[in-house]
Protein backbone atom coordinates (compact mmCIF):
# COMPACT_ATOMS: atom_id res chain seq x y z
CA MET A 1 -67.88 -30.35 -55.85
CA LYS A 2 -64.23 -29.55 -55.18
CA THR A 3 -62.13 -32.68 -54.76
CA ARG A 4 -58.71 -32.50 -53.15
CA PRO A 5 -55.87 -34.29 -54.99
CA GLY A 6 -55.42 -36.89 -52.23
CA ILE A 7 -59.12 -37.76 -52.28
CA CYS A 8 -59.23 -37.93 -56.07
CA SER A 9 -56.29 -40.30 -56.27
CA ALA A 10 -57.80 -42.62 -53.63
CA LYS A 11 -61.22 -42.86 -55.31
CA LYS A 12 -62.23 -45.17 -58.11
CA ARG A 13 -62.64 -43.37 -61.43
CA TYR A 14 -65.38 -43.96 -63.97
CA ALA A 15 -65.15 -42.88 -67.61
CA SER A 16 -68.82 -41.85 -67.80
CA GLU A 17 -71.64 -40.86 -65.49
CA ASP A 18 -73.67 -43.85 -66.68
CA GLU A 19 -70.89 -46.23 -65.65
CA ALA A 20 -70.72 -44.62 -62.19
CA LEU A 21 -74.51 -44.76 -61.77
CA VAL A 22 -74.60 -48.48 -62.57
CA VAL A 23 -72.21 -49.10 -59.69
CA ALA A 24 -74.11 -46.69 -57.41
CA SER A 25 -77.42 -48.40 -58.10
CA SER A 26 -76.12 -51.72 -56.79
CA ALA A 27 -74.58 -50.28 -53.61
CA ALA A 28 -76.12 -50.89 -50.19
CA VAL A 29 -75.85 -47.18 -49.30
CA THR A 30 -77.08 -44.11 -51.15
CA LEU A 31 -74.42 -42.89 -53.58
CA ARG A 32 -74.43 -40.22 -56.23
CA SER A 33 -71.97 -39.48 -58.98
CA TYR A 34 -70.07 -36.26 -59.58
CA HIS A 35 -67.67 -34.99 -62.21
CA CYS A 36 -64.17 -34.35 -60.85
CA ASP A 37 -62.45 -31.12 -61.89
CA LEU A 38 -59.01 -32.64 -61.29
CA CYS A 39 -59.07 -35.87 -63.28
CA ARG A 40 -62.04 -35.01 -65.53
CA GLN A 41 -63.66 -38.37 -64.75
CA TRP A 42 -66.54 -39.43 -62.48
CA HIS A 43 -66.42 -40.44 -58.82
CA LEU A 44 -69.05 -41.61 -56.33
CA THR A 45 -69.87 -39.95 -53.03
CA SER A 46 -72.21 -40.70 -50.17
CA ARG A 47 -72.71 -37.00 -49.48
CA THR A 48 -76.22 -36.27 -50.63
CA LYS A 49 -77.49 -33.50 -48.31
CA GLY A 50 -79.05 -30.82 -50.49
CA MET A 51 -78.00 -32.58 -53.69
CA LYS A 52 -80.12 -34.05 -56.45
CA LEU A 53 -80.41 -37.82 -56.06
CA PRO A 54 -80.26 -40.23 -59.01
CA ALA A 55 -83.61 -41.45 -60.37
CA PHE A 56 -83.03 -45.03 -59.19
CA GLU A 57 -82.58 -43.78 -55.61
CA LEU A 58 -85.76 -41.71 -55.73
CA ALA A 59 -87.67 -44.75 -56.98
CA ARG A 60 -86.11 -46.93 -54.28
CA ARG A 61 -87.21 -44.49 -51.58
CA ARG A 62 -90.74 -44.22 -53.00
CA SER A 63 -91.17 -47.99 -53.03
CA ALA A 64 -89.82 -48.33 -49.48
CA LYS A 65 -92.20 -45.63 -48.27
CA ALA A 66 -95.20 -47.25 -50.00
CA GLY A 67 -94.47 -50.78 -48.89
């Protein structure tokens, strides 16, 4: 994903994908992490159309569908 400099500077940065996924898993909306080419760190985005979702989100959707 290409991130513009203004967007990158406004977003919170995470040192690792695992750190970003911990935050994403506790969010009320679906978030996924991505590696930024500008700052070389990880950001979160709510854009998920056509993208692979994190395992915790897939499990959350399965349990909501079943119950």
